[in-house]
PDB file of N, CA and C in Angstrom:
ATOM      1  N   MET A   1      24.584   5.686  48.342  1.00  0.00           N
ATOM      2  CA  MET A   1      23.237   5.317  48.270  1.00  0.00           C
ATOM      3  C   MET A   1      23.907   4.005  47.194  1.00  0.00           C
ATOM      4  N   ASP A   2      23.456   2.521  46.972  1.00  0.00           N
ATOM      5  CA  ASP A   2      23.525   1.607  46.277  1.00  0.00           C
ATOM      6  C   ASP A   2      22.995   2.128  44.856  1.00  0.00           C
ATOM      7  N   PRO A   3      23.789   1.812  43.416  1.00  0.00           N
ATOM      8  CA  PRO A   3      22.885   2.794  42.324  1.00  0.00           C
ATOM      9  C   PRO A   3      22.111   0.684  41.820  1.00  0.00           C
ATOM     10  N   HIS A   4      21.419   1.462  40.571  1.00  0.00           N
ATOM     11  CA  HIS A   4      20.196   0.855  40.195  1.00  0.00           C
ATOM     12  C   HIS A   4      20.890  -0.438  39.595  1.00  0.00           C
ATOM     13  N   THR A   5      20.650  -1.765  39.766  1.00  0.00           N
ATOM     14  CA  THR A   5      21.580  -2.295  39.083  1.00  0.00           C
ATOM     15  C   THR A   5      20.333  -3.359  38.480  1.00  0.00           C
ATOM     16  N   LYS A   6      18.466  -3.463  38.783  1.00  0.00           N
ATOM     17  CA  LYS A   6      18.265  -4.344  38.127  1.00  0.00           C
ATOM     18  C   LYS A   6      17.126  -3.230  37.299  1.00  0.00           C
ATOM     19  N   ALA A   7      17.702  -1.543  37.116  1.00  0.00           N
ATOM     20  CA  ALA A   7      16.212  -1.457  36.159  1.00  0.00           C
ATOM     21  C   ALA A   7      16.695  -1.903  34.465  1.00  0.00           C
ATOM     22  N   THR A   8      16.173  -1.939  33.547  1.00  0.00           N
ATOM     23  CA  THR A   8      15.417  -2.421  32.692  1.00  0.00           C
ATOM     24  C   THR A   8      15.343  -0.900  31.402  1.00  0.00           C
ATOM     25  N   GLN A   9      16.008  -1.029  30.803  1.00  0.00           N
ATOM     26  CA  GLN A   9      16.134  -0.694  29.578  1.00  0.00           C
ATOM     27  C   GLN A   9      14.837  -0.378  29.156  1.00  0.00           C
ATOM     28  N   VAL A  10      14.072   1.207  28.438  1.00  0.00           N
ATOM     29  CA  VAL A  10      13.167   1.533  27.789  1.00  0.00           C
ATOM     30  C   VAL A  10      13.247   2.070  26.325  1.00  0.00           C
ATOM     31  N   ALA A  11      12.287   1.871  25.584  1.00  0.00           N
ATOM     32  CA  ALA A  11      12.071   2.959  24.303  1.00  0.00           C
ATOM     33  C   ALA A  11      12.259   3.834  24.099  1.00  0.00           C
ATOM     34  N   PRO A  12      12.923   4.748  23.746  1.00  0.00           N
ATOM     35  CA  PRO A  12      12.184   6.302  23.694  1.00  0.00           C
ATOM     36  C   PRO A  12      11.054   7.058  23.584  1.00  0.00           C
ATOM     37  N   PHE A  13      10.861   7.622  24.105  1.00  0.00           N
ATOM     38  CA  PHE A  13       8.773   8.011  23.944  1.00  0.00           C
ATOM     39  C   PHE A  13       8.575   8.344  22.269  1.00  0.00           C
ATOM     40  N   ALA A  14       8.280   7.950  21.708  1.00  0.00           N
ATOM     41  CA  ALA A  14       8.166   8.783  20.457  1.00  0.00           C
ATOM     42  C   ALA A  14       6.400   8.679  20.439  1.00  0.00           C
ATOM     43  N   PRO A  15       5.864   9.985  20.744  1.00  0.00           N
ATOM     44  CA  PRO A  15       4.157  10.184  20.271  1.00  0.00           C
ATOM     45  C   PRO A  15       3.701   9.667  19.368  1.00  0.00           C
ATOM     46  N   ALA A  16       2.101   9.690  19.582  1.00  0.00           N
ATOM     47  CA  ALA A  16       1.835   8.343  18.466  1.00  0.00           C
ATOM     48  C   ALA A  16       1.026   9.663  17.875  1.00  0.00           C
ATOM     49  N   PRO A  17       0.459   9.718  16.972  1.00  0.00           N
ATOM     50  CA  PRO A  17       0.110  10.686  16.028  1.00  0.00           C
ATOM     51  C   PRO A  17      -1.707  10.639  16.446  1.00  0.00           C
ATOM     52  N   GLY A  18      -1.934  11.424  16.460  1.00  0.00           N
ATOM     53  CA  GLY A  18      -3.447  12.126  17.127  1.00  0.00           C
ATOM     54  C   GLY A  18      -4.254  11.871  15.948  1.00  0.00           C
ATOM     55  N   PRO A  19      -5.590  12.007  16.603  1.00  0.00           N
ATOM     56  CA  PRO A  19      -6.602  11.625  15.470  1.00  0.00           C
ATOM     57  C   PRO A  19      -6.475  12.536  14.450  1.00  0.00           C
ATOM     58  N   ARG A  20      -7.178  12.609  13.298  1.00  0.00           N
ATOM     59  CA  ARG A  20      -7.473  13.480  12.365  1.00  0.00           C
ATOM     60  C   ARG A  20      -8.925  13.828  12.277  1.00  0.00           C
ATOM     61  N   HIS A  21      -8.589  15.313  12.043  1.00  0.00           N
ATOM     62  CA  HIS A  21     -10.152  15.797  11.301  1.00  0.00           C
ATOM     63  C   HIS A  21     -10.489  15.817   9.692  1.00  0.00           C
ATOM     64  N   PRO A  22     -11.278  15.517   9.348  1.00  0.00           N
ATOM     65  CA  PRO A  22     -11.090  15.584   7.882  1.00  0.00           C
ATOM     66  C   PRO A  22     -10.957  17.053   7.000  1.00  0.00           C
ATOM     67  N   ALA A  23     -11.264  17.813   7.751  1.00  0.00           N
ATOM     68  CA  ALA A  23     -10.667  19.573   6.977  1.00  0.00           C
ATOM     69  C   ALA A  23      -9.234  19.821   7.485  1.00  0.00           C
ATOM     70  N   ASP A  24      -8.841  18.586   8.969  1.00  0.00           N
ATOM     71  CA  ASP A  24      -7.420  19.404   8.728  1.00  0.00           C
ATOM     72  C   ASP A  24      -6.112  18.572   7.827  1.00  0.00           C
ATOM     73  N   THR A  25      -7.272  17.730   6.711  1.00  0.00           N
ATOM     74  CA  THR A  25      -5.362  17.969   5.433  1.00  0.00           C
ATOM     75  C   THR A  25      -6.612  18.635   4.403  1.00  0.00           C
ATOM     76  N   ALA A  26      -5.359  19.395   3.513  1.00  0.00           N
ATOM     77  CA  ALA A  26      -6.026  19.538   2.454  1.00  0.00           C
ATOM     78  C   ALA A  26      -4.716  19.910   0.810  1.00  0.00           C
ATOM     79  N   GLN A  27      -4.894  19.326   0.180  1.00  0.00           N
ATOM     80  CA  GLN A  27      -4.175  19.085  -0.394  1.00  0.00           C
ATOM     81  C   GLN A  27      -4.254  20.282  -2.205  1.00  0.00           C
ATOM     82  N   ALA A  28      -2.720  20.369  -2.195  1.00  0.00           N
ATOM     83  CA  ALA A  28      -2.217  21.516  -3.254  1.00  0.00           C
ATOM     84  C   ALA A  28      -1.953  21.235  -4.188  1.00  0.00           C
ATOM     85  N   PRO A  29      -2.283  21.521  -5.697  1.00  0.00           N
ATOM     86  CA  PRO A  29      -2.064  21.742  -6.736  1.00  0.00           C
ATOM     87  C   PRO A  29      -0.336  21.307  -6.954  1.00  0.00           C
ATOM     88  N   ALA A  30       0.159  21.501  -6.091  1.00  0.00           N
ATOM     89  CA  ALA A  30       1.995  21.669  -6.363  1.00  0.00           C
ATOM     90  C   ALA A  30       2.363  20.267  -5.901  1.00  0.00           C
ATOM     91  N   GLY A  31       1.421  19.524  -5.448  1.00  0.00           N
ATOM     92  CA  GLY A  31       2.123  17.975  -4.694  1.00  0.00           C
ATOM     93  C   GLY A  31       2.463  18.251  -3.580  1.00  0.00           C
ATOM     94  N   HIS A  32       1.848  19.464  -2.740  1.00  0.00           N
ATOM     95  CA  HIS A  32       2.622  19.589  -1.378  1.00  0.00           C
ATOM     96  C   HIS A  32       1.096  19.417  -0.625  1.00  0.00           C
ATOM     97  N   THR A  33       1.447  18.299   0.418  1.00  0.00           N
ATOM     98  CA  THR A  33       0.239  17.621   1.845  1.00  0.00           C
ATOM     99  C   THR A  33       0.742  18.004   2.361  1.00  0.00           C
ATOM    100  N   THR A  34      -0.968  18.840   3.145  1.00  0.00           N
ATOM    101  CA  THR A  34      -0.672  19.670   4.471  1.00  0.00           C
ATOM    102  C   THR A  34      -1.750  19.234   5.191  1.00  0.00           C
ATOM    103  N   SER A  35      -1.321  18.454   6.615  1.00  0.00           N
ATOM    104  CA  SER A  35      -2.043  18.200   7.718  1.00  0.00           C
ATOM    105  C   SER A  35      -1.260  19.414   8.884  1.00  0.00           C
ATOM    106  N   THR A  36      -2.511  18.744   9.858  1.00  0.00           N
ATOM    107  CA  THR A  36      -1.575  18.968  11.145  1.00  0.00           C
ATOM    108  C   THR A  36      -1.522  17.926  12.131  1.00  0.00           C
ATOM    109  N   ALA A  37      -0.430  17.799  13.126  1.00  0.00           N
ATOM    110  CA  ALA A  37       0.188  17.003  14.065  1.00  0.00           C
ATOM    111  C   ALA A  37      -0.091  18.679  15.740  1.00  0.00           C
ATOM    112  N   GLU A  38      -0.599  17.056  16.478  1.00  0.00           N
ATOM    113  CA  GLU A  38      -0.830  17.565  17.589  1.00  0.00           C
ATOM    114  C   GLU A  38       0.439  17.273  18.835  1.00  0.00           C
ATOM    115  N   ARG A  39       1.062  18.423  19.489  1.00  0.00           N
ATOM    116  CA  ARG A  39       2.812  17.737  20.345  1.00  0.00           C
ATOM    117  C   ARG A  39       1.495  18.250  21.390  1.00  0.00           C
ATOM    118  N   GLY A  40       1.764  17.232  22.542  1.00  0.00           N
ATOM    119  CA  GLY A  40       0.877  18.233  23.652  1.00  0.00           C
ATOM    120  C   GLY A  40      -0.280  19.446  24.071  1.00  0.00           C
ATOM    121  N   SER A  41       0.274  20.422  24.462  1.00  0.00           N
ATOM    122  CA  SER A  41      -1.018  21.103  23.776  1.00  0.00           C
ATOM    123  C   SER A  41      -0.776  21.927  22.393  1.00  0.00           C
ATOM    124  N   PHE A  42      -0.004  22.205  22.114  1.00  0.00           N
ATOM    125  CA  PHE A  42       0.339  22.783  20.811  1.00  0.00           C
ATOM    126  C   PHE A  42       0.026  21.805  19.447  1.00  0.00           C
ATOM    127  N   CYS A  43      -0.738  22.778  18.180  1.00  0.00           N
ATOM    128  CA  CYS A  43      -0.809  22.113  16.932  1.00  0.00           C
ATOM    129  C   CYS A  43      -0.187  22.353  16.166  1.00  0.00           C
ATOM    130  N   LEU A  44       1.424  21.753  14.906  1.00  0.00           N
ATOM    131  CA  LEU A  44       0.939  22.374  14.756  1.00  0.00           C
ATOM    132  C   LEU A  44       1.042  22.151  12.691  1.00  0.00           C
ATOM    133  N   ALA A  45       1.314  23.035  11.940  1.00  0.00           N
ATOM    134  CA  ALA A  45       1.149  21.852  10.302  1.00  0.00           C
ATOM    135  C   ALA A  45       2.374  21.932  10.181  1.00  0.00           C
ATOM    136  N   VAL A  46       1.903  20.382   8.854  1.00  0.00           N
ATOM    137  CA  VAL A  46       3.323  19.804   8.130  1.00  0.00           C
ATOM    138  C   VAL A  46       2.622  20.077   7.357  1.00  0.00           C
ATOM    139  N   CYS A  47       3.965  19.564   6.526  1.00  0.00           N
ATOM    140  CA  CYS A  47       3.745  19.471   5.124  1.00  0.00           C
ATOM    141  C   CYS A  47       4.817  18.466   5.051  1.00  0.00           C
ATOM    142  N   SER A  48       4.305  17.514   3.458  1.00  0.00           N
ATOM    143  CA  SER A  48       5.161  16.551   2.709  1.00  0.00           C
ATOM    144  C   SER A  48       6.359  16.827   1.940  1.00  0.00           C
ATOM    145  N   CYS A  49       6.411  17.985   2.388  1.00  0.00           N
ATOM    146  CA  CYS A  49       7.716  18.425   1.894  1.00  0.00           C
ATOM    147  C   CYS A  49       8.837  18.329   2.721  1.00  0.00           C
ATOM    148  N   GLY A  50       8.279  18.556   3.651  1.00  0.00           N
ATOM    149  CA  GLY A  50       9.394  18.994   4.517  1.00  0.00           C
ATOM    150  C   GLY A  50       8.645  19.644   5.744  1.00  0.00           C
ATOM    151  N   TRP A  51       8.258  20.781   5.352  1.00  0.00           N
ATOM    152  CA  TRP A  51       8.558  21.956   5.656  1.00  0.00           C
ATOM    153  C   TRP A  51       7.144  21.864   7.587  1.00  0.00           C
ATOM    154  N   THR A  52       7.203  22.690   8.127  1.00  0.00           N
ATOM    155  CA  THR A  52       6.936  22.575   9.099  1.00  0.00           C
ATOM    156  C   THR A  52       6.424  23.869  10.104  1.00  0.00           C
ATOM    157  N   GLY A  53       5.311  24.409  10.458  1.00  0.00           N
ATOM    158  CA  GLY A  53       4.924  25.838  10.814  1.00  0.00           C
ATOM    159  C   GLY A  53       5.154  25.888  12.584  1.00  0.00           C
ATOM    160  N   PRO A  54       5.093  26.807  12.785  1.00  0.00           N
ATOM    161  CA  PRO A  54       5.450  27.198  13.973  1.00  0.00           C
ATOM    162  C   PRO A  54       3.894  26.183  14.917  1.00  0.00           C
ATOM    163  N   ALA A  55       4.461  25.841  16.475  1.00  0.00           N
ATOM    164  CA  ALA A  55       3.920  25.344  17.105  1.00  0.00           C
ATOM    165  C   ALA A  55       2.817  26.322  17.881  1.00  0.00           C
ATOM    166  N   ARG A  56       0.996  25.423  17.548  1.00  0.00           N
ATOM    167  CA  ARG A  56       0.501  26.892  17.864  1.00  0.00           C
ATOM    168  C   ARG A  56      -0.366  25.939  18.870  1.00  0.00           C
ATOM    169  N   ARG A  57      -1.298  26.647  19.402  1.00  0.00           N
ATOM    170  CA  ARG A  57      -1.979  26.563  20.276  1.00  0.00           C
ATOM    171  C   ARG A  57      -3.345  26.730  20.052  1.00  0.00           C
ATOM    172  N   SER A  58      -4.059  27.524  18.577  1.00  0.00           N
ATOM    173  CA  SER A  58      -5.500  27.160  18.210  1.00  0.00           C
ATOM    174  C   SER A  58      -5.053  26.165  16.901  1.00  0.00           C
ATOM    175  N   ARG A  59      -6.062  25.177  17.047  1.00  0.00           N
ATOM    176  CA  ARG A  59      -6.130  24.672  15.891  1.00  0.00           C
ATOM    177  C   ARG A  59      -5.786  25.758  14.477  1.00  0.00           C
ATOM    178  N   ASP A  60      -7.266  26.416  14.507  1.00  0.00           N
ATOM    179  CA  ASP A  60      -7.055  26.941  13.486  1.00  0.00           C
ATOM    180  C   ASP A  60      -6.408  28.316  12.800  1.00  0.00           C
ATOM    181  N   LEU A  61      -5.159  28.440  13.356  1.00  0.00           N
ATOM    182  CA  LEU A  61      -4.120  29.188  13.333  1.00  0.00           C
ATOM    183  C   LEU A  61      -3.200  28.225  12.505  1.00  0.00           C
ATOM    184  N   ALA A  62      -2.983  26.629  13.521  1.00  0.00           N
ATOM    185  CA  ALA A  62      -2.238  26.012  12.256  1.00  0.00           C
ATOM    186  C   ALA A  62      -2.779  25.669  10.802  1.00  0.00           C
ATOM    187  N   ARG A  63      -3.785  25.726  11.102  1.00  0.00           N
ATOM    188  CA  ARG A  63      -4.428  25.042   9.105  1.00  0.00           C
ATOM    189  C   ARG A  63      -4.330  26.400   8.631  1.00  0.00           C
ATOM    190  N   ARG A  64      -4.178  27.704   8.958  1.00  0.00           N
ATOM    191  CA  ARG A  64      -3.670  28.995   7.936  1.00  0.00           C
ATOM    192  C   ARG A  64      -2.755  28.664   7.894  1.00  0.00           C
ATOM    193  N   ASP A  65      -1.511  28.305   8.625  1.00  0.00           N
ATOM    194  CA  ASP A  65      -0.222  28.169   8.197  1.00  0.00           C
ATOM    195  C   ASP A  65      -0.059  27.327   7.159  1.00  0.00           C
ATOM    196  N   ALA A  66      -0.544  26.161   7.020  1.00  0.00           N
ATOM    197  CA  ALA A  66      -0.575  25.150   5.984  1.00  0.00           C
ATOM    198  C   ALA A  66      -1.168  25.862   4.947  1.00  0.00           C
ATOM    199  N   THR A  67      -2.219  26.259   4.798  1.00  0.00           N
ATOM    200  CA  THR A  67      -2.725  27.194   4.025  1.00  0.00           C
ATOM    201  C   THR A  67      -1.887  27.905   2.835  1.00  0.00           C
ATOM    202  N   ARG A  68      -1.497  28.666   4.100  1.00  0.00           N
ATOM    203  CA  ARG A  68      -0.820  29.877   3.682  1.00  0.00           C
ATOM    204  C   ARG A  68       0.934  29.316   2.865  1.00  0.00           C
ATOM    205  N   HIS A  69       1.249  28.218   3.574  1.00  0.00           N
ATOM    206  CA  HIS A  69       2.195  27.501   2.992  1.00  0.00           C
ATOM    207  C   HIS A  69       1.402  26.693   1.347  1.00  0.00           C
ATOM    208  N   THR A  70       0.279  26.821   1.141  1.00  0.00           N
ATOM    209  CA  THR A  70       0.662  25.938  -0.150  1.00  0.00           C
ATOM    210  C   THR A  70       0.248  26.753  -0.984  1.00  0.00           C
ATOM    211  N   SER A  71       0.134  27.934  -0.560  1.00  0.00           N
ATOM    212  CA  SER A  71      -0.431  29.353  -1.537  1.00  0.00           C
ATOM    213  C   SER A  71       0.630  29.913  -2.230  1.00  0.00           C
ATOM    214  N   ALA A  72       1.954  30.060  -1.381  1.00  0.00           N
ATOM    215  CA  ALA A  72       3.213  30.529  -1.393  1.00  0.00           C
ATOM    216  C   ALA A  72       3.748  29.272  -2.475  1.00  0.00           C
ATOM    217  N   ALA A  73       3.715  28.210  -2.122  1.00  0.00           N
ATOM    218  CA  ALA A  73       4.004  27.207  -3.060  1.00  0.00           C
ATOM    219  C   ALA A  73       4.744  27.284  -4.606  1.00  0.00           C
TER     220      ALA A  73
END
């Protein structure tokens, strides 16, 4: 079998952020800004401090994770 000599290099896949719902963003008094991010069929909470919640299939559970994070901070 001949090696592929005419293959072109492609940049690695970087998923684009999905559309945001206004309820997906919450502002905490301590400066933590949380939102949700979609990764395939999963949704996870992310914070401006670098924290990320577990991947969830339910957006509502991801929002609750974000609320718990901001209330604990």
